[in-house]
């Protein structure tokens, strides 16, 4: 996994979280958990946290597409990065 690309994607996700003032607290917390878990990924190849499973991320991204399209786009980028890393 390209760590620089991951860092940029996670920073974009943080920025979108900061801008999404209308985001409910449960969704905000879930996205913060995703950022935290993604930051904790390393080359060790341990188990993938539940928050980072592709199906869960895809459902979340689709749910944001209408009201938070930029946030959804960043989540799709994260999904692609994780897939390329084999997660």
C-alpha atoms as a PDB file:
ATOM      1  CA  UNK A   1       0.000   0.000   0.000  1.00  0.00           C
ATOM      2  CA  UNK A   2       1.330   3.411  -0.924  1.00  0.00           C
ATOM      3  CA  UNK A   3       1.513   5.086   2.469  1.00  0.00           C
ATOM      4  CA  UNK A   4       1.710   8.597   1.009  1.00  0.00           C
ATOM      5  CA  UNK A   5      -1.492   8.081  -0.977  1.00  0.00           C
ATOM      6  CA  UNK A   6      -3.177   6.638   2.115  1.00  0.00           C
ATOM      7  CA  UNK A   7      -2.099   9.635   4.192  1.00  0.00           C
ATOM      8  CA  UNK A   8      -3.511  12.031   1.591  1.00  0.00           C
ATOM      9  CA  UNK A   9      -6.795  10.133   1.398  1.00  0.00           C
ATOM     10  CA  UNK A  10      -7.170  10.063   5.171  1.00  0.00           C
ATOM     11  CA  UNK A  11      -6.397  13.778   5.353  1.00  0.00           C
ATOM     12  CA  UNK A  12      -9.063  14.429   2.711  1.00  0.00           C
ATOM     13  CA  UNK A  13     -11.498  12.379   4.794  1.00  0.00           C
ATOM     14  CA  UNK A  14     -10.630  14.421   7.902  1.00  0.00           C
ATOM     15  CA  UNK A  15     -11.162  17.657   5.974  1.00  0.00           C
ATOM     16  CA  UNK A  16     -14.529  16.507   4.670  1.00  0.00           C
ATOM     17  CA  UNK A  17     -15.563  15.525   8.188  1.00  0.00           C
ATOM     18  CA  UNK A  18     -14.689  19.017   9.371  1.00  0.00           C
ATOM     19  CA  UNK A  19     -16.787  20.559   6.578  1.00  0.00           C
ATOM     20  CA  UNK A  20     -19.810  18.283   7.005  1.00  0.00           C
ATOM     21  CA  UNK A  21     -21.586  20.271   9.692  1.00  0.00           C
ATOM     22  CA  UNK A  22     -24.932  18.580   8.945  1.00  0.00           C
ATOM     23  CA  UNK A  23     -23.503  15.099   9.580  1.00  0.00           C
ATOM     24  CA  UNK A  24     -25.164  13.271  12.469  1.00  0.00           C
ATOM     25  CA  UNK A  25     -23.002  12.370  15.461  1.00  0.00           C
ATOM     26  CA  UNK A  26     -23.250   8.591  14.921  1.00  0.00           C
ATOM     27  CA  UNK A  27     -22.004   8.884  11.330  1.00  0.00           C
ATOM     28  CA  UNK A  28     -19.271  11.322  12.370  1.00  0.00           C
ATOM     29  CA  UNK A  29     -18.046   8.917  15.060  1.00  0.00           C
ATOM     30  CA  UNK A  30     -18.138   5.994  12.630  1.00  0.00           C
ATOM     31  CA  UNK A  31     -16.038   7.938  10.112  1.00  0.00           C
ATOM     32  CA  UNK A  32     -13.571   8.950  12.821  1.00  0.00           C
ATOM     33  CA  UNK A  33     -13.254   5.259  13.742  1.00  0.00           C
ATOM     34  CA  UNK A  34     -12.540   4.457  10.097  1.00  0.00           C
ATOM     35  CA  UNK A  35      -9.776   7.072   9.971  1.00  0.00           C
ATOM     36  CA  UNK A  36      -8.278   5.757  13.223  1.00  0.00           C
ATOM     37  CA  UNK A  37      -8.383   2.146  12.053  1.00  0.00           C
ATOM     38  CA  UNK A  38      -6.917   2.990   8.645  1.00  0.00           C
ATOM     39  CA  UNK A  39      -4.086   4.916  10.296  1.00  0.00           C
ATOM     40  CA  UNK A  40      -3.355   1.833  12.384  1.00  0.00           C
ATOM     41  CA  UNK A  41      -2.879  -0.423   9.369  1.00  0.00           C
ATOM     42  CA  UNK A  42       0.655  -1.513   8.855  1.00  0.00           C
ATOM     43  CA  UNK A  43       2.682  -3.885   6.749  1.00  0.00           C
ATOM     44  CA  UNK A  44       2.244  -6.635   9.359  1.00  0.00           C
ATOM     45  CA  UNK A  45      -0.787  -7.990   7.526  1.00  0.00           C
ATOM     46  CA  UNK A  46      -2.859  -8.460  10.665  1.00  0.00           C
ATOM     47  CA  UNK A  47      -6.598  -8.733  10.581  1.00  0.00           C
ATOM     48  CA  UNK A  48      -8.577  -5.907   9.035  1.00  0.00           C
ATOM     49  CA  UNK A  49     -10.788  -4.017  11.493  1.00  0.00           C
ATOM     50  CA  UNK A  50     -14.523  -4.386  10.857  1.00  0.00           C
ATOM     51  CA  UNK A  51     -14.813  -0.686  10.039  1.00  0.00           C
ATOM     52  CA  UNK A  52     -12.536  -1.211   7.023  1.00  0.00           C
ATOM     53  CA  UNK A  53     -14.278  -4.165   5.416  1.00  0.00           C
ATOM     54  CA  UNK A  54     -15.117  -3.250   1.816  1.00  0.00           C
ATOM     55  CA  UNK A  55     -18.808  -4.126   2.090  1.00  0.00           C
ATOM     56  CA  UNK A  56     -19.271  -1.935   5.176  1.00  0.00           C
ATOM     57  CA  UNK A  57     -17.385   0.962   3.602  1.00  0.00           C
ATOM     58  CA  UNK A  58     -19.322   0.651   0.360  1.00  0.00           C
ATOM     59  CA  UNK A  59     -22.664   0.756   2.188  1.00  0.00           C
ATOM     60  CA  UNK A  60     -21.527   3.820   4.099  1.00  0.00           C
ATOM     61  CA  UNK A  61     -20.310   5.586   0.946  1.00  0.00           C
ATOM     62  CA  UNK A  62     -23.555   4.899  -0.896  1.00  0.00           C
ATOM     63  CA  UNK A  63     -25.493   6.306   2.048  1.00  0.00           C
ATOM     64  CA  UNK A  64     -23.577   9.578   1.800  1.00  0.00           C
ATOM     65  CA  UNK A  65     -23.773  10.027  -1.980  1.00  0.00           C
ATOM     66  CA  UNK A  66     -26.805  12.347  -2.018  1.00  0.00           C
ATOM     67  CA  UNK A  67     -26.228  14.583   0.995  1.00  0.00           C
ATOM     68  CA  UNK A  68     -22.432  14.376   1.200  1.00  0.00           C
ATOM     69  CA  UNK A  69     -21.108  13.511  -2.287  1.00  0.00           C
ATOM     70  CA  UNK A  70     -17.536  14.630  -1.627  1.00  0.00           C
ATOM     71  CA  UNK A  71     -17.390  12.546   1.516  1.00  0.00           C
ATOM     72  CA  UNK A  72     -18.711   9.571  -0.452  1.00  0.00           C
ATOM     73  CA  UNK A  73     -16.041  10.121  -3.119  1.00  0.00           C
ATOM     74  CA  UNK A  74     -13.269  10.096  -0.513  1.00  0.00           C
ATOM     75  CA  UNK A  75     -14.675   6.891   0.969  1.00  0.00           C
ATOM     76  CA  UNK A  76     -14.614   5.329  -2.502  1.00  0.00           C
ATOM     77  CA  UNK A  77     -10.952   6.349  -2.802  1.00  0.00           C
ATOM     78  CA  UNK A  78     -10.247   4.654   0.519  1.00  0.00           C
ATOM     79  CA  UNK A  79     -12.062   1.512  -0.641  1.00  0.00           C
ATOM     80  CA  UNK A  80      -9.913   1.441  -3.791  1.00  0.00           C
ATOM     81  CA  UNK A  81      -6.693   1.897  -1.796  1.00  0.00           C
ATOM     82  CA  UNK A  82      -7.609  -0.904   0.597  1.00  0.00           C
ATOM     83  CA  UNK A  83      -8.523  -3.190  -2.306  1.00  0.00           C
ATOM     84  CA  UNK A  84      -5.182  -2.490  -4.002  1.00  0.00           C
ATOM     85  CA  UNK A  85      -3.478  -3.376  -0.725  1.00  0.00           C
ATOM     86  CA  UNK A  86      -5.333  -6.686  -0.664  1.00  0.00           C
ATOM     87  CA  UNK A  87      -7.508  -5.794   2.321  1.00  0.00           C
END
